[in-house]
N, C-alpha and C. Protein backbone atom coordinates (compact mmCIF):
# COMPACT_ATOMS: atom_id res chain seq x y z
N MET A 1 126.75 147.69 145.35
CA MET A 1 127.15 146.61 146.23
C MET A 1 125.99 146.19 147.15
N LYS A 2 125.22 147.16 147.61
CA LYS A 2 124.10 146.87 148.49
C LYS A 2 123.03 146.06 147.75
N ALA A 3 122.82 146.36 146.47
CA ALA A 3 121.83 145.62 145.68
C ALA A 3 122.25 144.17 145.51
N LEU A 4 123.53 143.91 145.36
CA LEU A 4 124.03 142.55 145.23
C LEU A 4 123.81 141.77 146.52
N GLU A 5 124.04 142.41 147.65
CA GLU A 5 123.79 141.76 148.94
C GLU A 5 122.32 141.42 149.13
N ILE A 6 121.44 142.31 148.71
CA ILE A 6 120.00 142.06 148.81
C ILE A 6 119.61 140.91 147.89
N LEU A 7 120.17 140.87 146.69
CA LEU A 7 119.87 139.80 145.74
C LEU A 7 120.34 138.44 146.28
N ILE A 8 121.54 138.39 146.81
CA ILE A 8 122.06 137.14 147.37
C ILE A 8 121.23 136.72 148.58
N GLY A 9 120.84 137.66 149.41
CA GLY A 9 120.00 137.35 150.56
C GLY A 9 118.64 136.82 150.15
N ALA A 10 118.05 137.42 149.10
CA ALA A 10 116.75 136.97 148.62
C ALA A 10 116.83 135.56 148.04
N ILE A 11 117.87 135.28 147.28
CA ILE A 11 118.03 133.94 146.71
C ILE A 11 118.24 132.91 147.82
N THR A 12 119.03 133.25 148.81
CA THR A 12 119.26 132.36 149.94
C THR A 12 117.96 132.09 150.69
N LEU A 13 117.16 133.12 150.88
CA LEU A 13 115.88 132.96 151.58
C LEU A 13 114.93 132.07 150.79
N ILE A 14 114.87 132.25 149.49
CA ILE A 14 113.99 131.43 148.64
C ILE A 14 114.41 129.97 148.69
N VAL A 15 115.70 129.71 148.61
CA VAL A 15 116.20 128.33 148.67
C VAL A 15 115.91 127.72 150.04
N ALA A 16 116.12 128.48 151.11
CA ALA A 16 115.86 127.96 152.45
C ALA A 16 114.38 127.64 152.64
N ILE A 17 113.50 128.51 152.19
CA ILE A 17 112.06 128.25 152.30
C ILE A 17 111.68 127.03 151.48
N GLY A 18 112.27 126.90 150.28
CA GLY A 18 111.99 125.73 149.45
C GLY A 18 112.41 124.43 150.11
N LEU A 19 113.56 124.44 150.77
CA LEU A 19 114.00 123.24 151.46
C LEU A 19 113.13 122.92 152.67
N ILE A 20 112.69 123.94 153.37
CA ILE A 20 111.82 123.71 154.53
C ILE A 20 110.47 123.17 154.08
N VAL A 21 109.93 123.69 152.99
CA VAL A 21 108.64 123.23 152.49
C VAL A 21 108.75 121.81 151.93
N SER A 22 109.92 121.42 151.44
CA SER A 22 110.07 120.08 150.88
C SER A 22 110.20 119.00 151.96
N LEU A 23 110.45 119.37 153.19
CA LEU A 23 110.56 118.40 154.26
C LEU A 23 109.28 117.58 154.45
N PRO A 24 108.08 118.19 154.47
CA PRO A 24 106.87 117.37 154.58
C PRO A 24 106.67 116.43 153.38
N VAL A 25 107.08 116.86 152.19
CA VAL A 25 106.98 115.99 151.02
C VAL A 25 107.83 114.74 151.22
N MET A 26 109.06 114.94 151.70
CA MET A 26 109.95 113.80 151.95
C MET A 26 109.37 112.88 153.01
N LEU A 27 108.87 113.45 154.10
CA LEU A 27 108.34 112.63 155.18
C LEU A 27 107.10 111.86 154.75
N LEU A 28 106.20 112.52 154.02
CA LEU A 28 105.01 111.83 153.53
C LEU A 28 105.37 110.71 152.57
N TRP A 29 106.31 110.97 151.68
CA TRP A 29 106.73 109.95 150.72
C TRP A 29 107.34 108.75 151.46
N ASN A 30 108.29 109.03 152.34
CA ASN A 30 109.04 107.96 152.99
C ASN A 30 108.21 107.17 154.01
N TYR A 31 107.31 107.82 154.72
CA TYR A 31 106.60 107.13 155.78
C TYR A 31 105.21 106.65 155.37
N CYS A 32 104.63 107.21 154.32
CA CYS A 32 103.29 106.79 153.90
C CYS A 32 103.32 105.96 152.63
N LEU A 33 104.03 106.41 151.62
CA LEU A 33 103.98 105.72 150.33
C LEU A 33 104.88 104.50 150.27
N VAL A 34 106.06 104.57 150.86
CA VAL A 34 107.01 103.46 150.76
C VAL A 34 106.43 102.20 151.39
N GLY A 35 105.74 102.35 152.51
CA GLY A 35 105.15 101.18 153.15
C GLY A 35 103.89 100.69 152.47
N ALA A 36 103.19 101.57 151.77
CA ALA A 36 101.91 101.20 151.17
C ALA A 36 102.04 100.67 149.75
N ILE A 37 103.05 101.09 149.03
CA ILE A 37 103.20 100.70 147.62
C ILE A 37 104.51 99.93 147.48
N ALA A 38 104.40 98.70 147.01
CA ALA A 38 105.60 97.88 146.84
C ALA A 38 106.39 98.37 145.61
N GLY A 39 107.68 98.40 145.73
CA GLY A 39 108.53 98.70 144.59
C GLY A 39 109.02 100.13 144.51
N ILE A 40 108.65 101.00 145.45
CA ILE A 40 109.18 102.36 145.41
C ILE A 40 110.19 102.53 146.55
N ASN A 41 111.14 103.40 146.32
CA ASN A 41 112.23 103.61 147.27
C ASN A 41 112.04 104.91 148.05
N GLU A 42 112.75 105.01 149.15
CA GLU A 42 112.76 106.25 149.91
C GLU A 42 113.49 107.32 149.11
N ILE A 43 113.16 108.58 149.37
CA ILE A 43 113.79 109.69 148.68
C ILE A 43 114.55 110.55 149.66
N THR A 44 115.49 111.33 149.15
CA THR A 44 116.26 112.25 149.98
C THR A 44 115.57 113.60 150.00
N TRP A 45 116.12 114.49 150.80
CA TRP A 45 115.55 115.83 150.94
C TRP A 45 115.63 116.59 149.61
N LEU A 46 116.75 116.50 148.92
CA LEU A 46 116.88 117.20 147.65
C LEU A 46 115.98 116.60 146.57
N GLN A 47 115.74 115.31 146.61
CA GLN A 47 114.80 114.71 145.66
C GLN A 47 113.38 115.20 145.94
N ALA A 48 113.04 115.35 147.21
CA ALA A 48 111.72 115.89 147.56
C ALA A 48 111.59 117.32 147.08
N TRP A 49 112.66 118.08 147.17
CA TRP A 49 112.66 119.46 146.67
C TRP A 49 112.46 119.47 145.16
N GLY A 50 113.11 118.55 144.47
CA GLY A 50 112.94 118.44 143.03
C GLY A 50 111.51 118.07 142.65
N ILE A 51 110.91 117.17 143.40
CA ILE A 51 109.51 116.80 143.15
C ILE A 51 108.60 118.01 143.37
N LEU A 52 108.87 118.77 144.41
CA LEU A 52 108.07 119.96 144.70
C LEU A 52 108.19 120.98 143.57
N VAL A 53 109.39 121.20 143.07
CA VAL A 53 109.59 122.14 141.96
C VAL A 53 108.91 121.63 140.70
N LEU A 54 109.05 120.35 140.41
CA LEU A 54 108.44 119.76 139.22
C LEU A 54 106.91 119.90 139.27
N PHE A 55 106.31 119.58 140.38
CA PHE A 55 104.86 119.70 140.50
C PHE A 55 104.42 121.16 140.42
N GLY A 56 105.24 122.06 140.96
CA GLY A 56 104.92 123.48 140.85
C GLY A 56 104.93 123.95 139.41
N LEU A 57 105.86 123.44 138.62
CA LEU A 57 105.91 123.81 137.21
C LEU A 57 104.77 123.17 136.41
N LEU A 58 104.45 121.93 136.72
CA LEU A 58 103.44 121.21 135.95
C LEU A 58 102.01 121.65 136.28
N PHE A 59 101.73 121.96 137.52
CA PHE A 59 100.37 122.20 137.94
C PHE A 59 100.09 123.62 138.39
N LYS A 60 100.94 124.55 138.01
CA LYS A 60 100.73 125.95 138.37
C LYS A 60 99.58 126.50 137.54
N THR A 61 98.68 127.20 138.20
CA THR A 61 97.57 127.82 137.48
C THR A 61 97.89 129.27 137.21
N HIS A 62 97.58 129.71 136.03
CA HIS A 62 97.78 131.10 135.66
C HIS A 62 96.42 131.75 135.47
N VAL A 63 96.15 132.73 136.30
CA VAL A 63 94.89 133.44 136.21
C VAL A 63 95.18 134.81 135.64
N THR A 64 94.56 135.09 134.51
CA THR A 64 94.73 136.41 133.91
C THR A 64 93.38 137.11 133.90
N THR A 65 93.40 138.34 134.29
CA THR A 65 92.17 139.12 134.30
C THR A 65 92.32 140.26 133.31
N LYS A 66 91.28 140.52 132.59
CA LYS A 66 91.29 141.60 131.63
C LYS A 66 90.23 142.61 132.04
N ASP A 67 90.67 143.81 132.31
CA ASP A 67 89.73 144.84 132.74
C ASP A 67 89.07 145.52 131.57
C-alpha cells in the first residue's frame, strides 16, 4: 500500500512540474508569437503542455557512452 502511495505521489509531482514548466511556453506563445505572426491563435495551458511534451519527444538527445 505504501508503494502505491509513493507511485501516485510521484506521478502527481511529475504532472504538476510539467504544468508549471508549460506556463512560460503558453505565455511566450500568446504574448510574443500571436502579435508577431498573422494567422495563429492563442493556446491554452494544456495545449502548451502538449507542445512541450511533443518537442521533448522530437528533440531529445540520447547520449550513450561505452566504456
